[in-house]
Amino acid sequence: MRETRKKQNDNALEVALSLRLGRPADMAGAVAFLFADDAEWIDGQA
């Protein structure tokens, strides 16, 4: 059981490390939306 958990953790870490870091241009659309009038009801709660 413990070995399975370690393999799962190792796999999750490998996937997380393989993802590229975001760039400012990646966030531009979301930021533009959040500053638009259409986003007035978004309050940051999940």
N, C-alpha and C. Protein backbone atom coordinates (compact mmCIF):
# COMPACT_ATOMS: atom_id res chain seq x y z
N MET A 1 0.82 -1.20 0.00
CA MET A 1 0.00 0.00 0.00
C MET A 1 0.87 1.26 0.00
N ARG A 2 1.88 1.28 0.86
CA ARG A 2 2.76 2.43 0.96
C ARG A 2 3.52 2.66 -0.35
N GLU A 3 3.93 1.56 -1.00
CA GLU A 3 4.66 1.66 -2.27
C GLU A 3 3.77 2.26 -3.36
N THR A 4 2.51 1.89 -3.38
CA THR A 4 1.56 2.44 -4.35
C THR A 4 1.42 3.95 -4.15
N ARG A 5 1.32 4.39 -2.91
CA ARG A 5 1.20 5.82 -2.62
C ARG A 5 2.44 6.58 -3.09
N LYS A 6 3.62 5.98 -2.87
CA LYS A 6 4.86 6.62 -3.30
C LYS A 6 4.89 6.75 -4.82
N LYS A 7 4.46 5.70 -5.52
CA LYS A 7 4.43 5.77 -6.99
C LYS A 7 3.46 6.85 -7.46
N GLN A 8 2.31 6.96 -6.80
CA GLN A 8 1.35 8.00 -7.16
C GLN A 8 1.93 9.39 -6.95
N ASN A 9 2.60 9.57 -5.82
CA ASN A 9 3.22 10.86 -5.53
C ASN A 9 4.31 11.18 -6.54
N ASP A 10 5.12 10.19 -6.87
CA ASP A 10 6.19 10.39 -7.84
C ASP A 10 5.62 10.76 -9.21
N ASN A 11 4.54 10.09 -9.61
CA ASN A 11 3.91 10.39 -10.89
C ASN A 11 3.33 11.80 -10.90
N ALA A 12 2.69 12.20 -9.82
CA ALA A 12 2.11 13.54 -9.73
C ALA A 12 3.21 14.60 -9.79
N LEU A 13 4.31 14.35 -9.11
CA LEU A 13 5.43 15.29 -9.12
C LEU A 13 6.03 15.39 -10.51
N GLU A 14 6.16 14.28 -11.20
CA GLU A 14 6.71 14.28 -12.56
C GLU A 14 5.83 15.10 -13.50
N VAL A 15 4.53 14.94 -13.39
CA VAL A 15 3.61 15.70 -14.24
C VAL A 15 3.71 17.19 -13.91
N ALA A 16 3.72 17.52 -12.63
CA ALA A 16 3.78 18.93 -12.23
C ALA A 16 5.07 19.59 -12.71
N LEU A 17 6.17 18.88 -12.65
CA LEU A 17 7.44 19.45 -13.07
C LEU A 17 7.57 19.54 -14.59
N SER A 18 6.80 18.76 -15.31
CA SER A 18 6.89 18.78 -16.76
C SER A 18 6.08 19.91 -17.39
N LEU A 19 5.19 20.51 -16.62
CA LEU A 19 4.37 21.60 -17.13
C LEU A 19 5.22 22.86 -17.24
N ARG A 20 4.97 23.63 -18.26
CA ARG A 20 5.74 24.86 -18.41
C ARG A 20 5.20 25.94 -17.49
N LEU A 21 6.05 26.87 -17.16
CA LEU A 21 5.63 28.00 -16.34
C LEU A 21 4.82 28.96 -17.20
N GLY A 22 3.87 29.60 -16.59
CA GLY A 22 3.05 30.56 -17.31
C GLY A 22 3.81 31.84 -17.59
N ARG A 23 3.38 32.51 -18.62
CA ARG A 23 3.96 33.81 -19.01
C ARG A 23 2.88 34.87 -18.86
N PRO A 24 3.27 36.13 -18.77
CA PRO A 24 2.27 37.19 -18.65
C PRO A 24 1.21 37.13 -19.75
N ALA A 25 1.59 36.80 -20.94
CA ALA A 25 0.63 36.73 -22.04
C ALA A 25 -0.42 35.64 -21.80
N ASP A 26 -0.06 34.60 -21.05
CA ASP A 26 -1.00 33.53 -20.73
C ASP A 26 -2.13 34.03 -19.82
N MET A 27 -1.85 35.02 -19.03
CA MET A 27 -2.82 35.54 -18.07
C MET A 27 -3.62 36.73 -18.60
N ALA A 28 -3.20 37.29 -19.72
CA ALA A 28 -3.78 38.53 -20.21
C ALA A 28 -5.29 38.45 -20.41
N GLY A 29 -5.79 37.36 -20.98
CA GLY A 29 -7.22 37.22 -21.22
C GLY A 29 -8.02 37.18 -19.92
N ALA A 30 -7.52 36.44 -18.95
CA ALA A 30 -8.21 36.34 -17.67
C ALA A 30 -8.21 37.68 -16.94
N VAL A 31 -7.09 38.37 -16.97
CA VAL A 31 -7.01 39.67 -16.31
C VAL A 31 -7.94 40.67 -16.99
N ALA A 32 -7.95 40.67 -18.32
CA ALA A 32 -8.83 41.58 -19.06
C ALA A 32 -10.29 41.31 -18.71
N PHE A 33 -10.66 40.04 -18.61
CA PHE A 33 -12.04 39.71 -18.24
C PHE A 33 -12.36 40.19 -16.83
N LEU A 34 -11.47 39.94 -15.89
CA LEU A 34 -11.74 40.30 -14.50
C LEU A 34 -11.87 41.81 -14.30
N PHE A 35 -11.25 42.59 -15.16
CA PHE A 35 -11.38 44.05 -15.08
C PHE A 35 -12.55 44.58 -15.90
N ALA A 36 -13.19 43.72 -16.66
CA ALA A 36 -14.32 44.14 -17.50
C ALA A 36 -15.60 44.20 -16.67
N ASP A 37 -16.57 44.91 -17.18
CA ASP A 37 -17.87 45.03 -16.50
C ASP A 37 -18.57 43.68 -16.39
N ASP A 38 -18.31 42.76 -17.31
CA ASP A 38 -18.94 41.43 -17.28
C ASP A 38 -18.56 40.63 -16.04
N ALA A 39 -17.50 41.02 -15.37
CA ALA A 39 -17.02 40.26 -14.21
C ALA A 39 -17.46 40.87 -12.88
N GLU A 40 -18.42 41.76 -12.89
CA GLU A 40 -18.77 42.48 -11.66
C GLU A 40 -19.32 41.58 -10.55
N TRP A 41 -19.83 40.39 -10.88
CA TRP A 41 -20.36 39.50 -9.85
C TRP A 41 -19.34 38.48 -9.35
N ILE A 42 -18.15 38.48 -9.90
CA ILE A 42 -17.11 37.55 -9.46
C ILE A 42 -16.47 38.12 -8.22
N ASP A 43 -16.47 37.32 -7.13
CA ASP A 43 -15.95 37.84 -5.87
C ASP A 43 -14.77 37.05 -5.33
N GLY A 44 -14.26 36.08 -6.09
CA GLY A 44 -13.09 35.34 -5.66
C GLY A 44 -13.38 34.14 -4.78
N GLN A 45 -14.63 33.87 -4.49
CA GLN A 45 -14.98 32.71 -3.67
C GLN A 45 -15.13 31.48 -4.54
N ALA A 46 -14.66 30.36 -4.04
CA ALA A 46 -14.78 29.10 -4.80
C ALA A 46 -15.87 28.24 -4.20
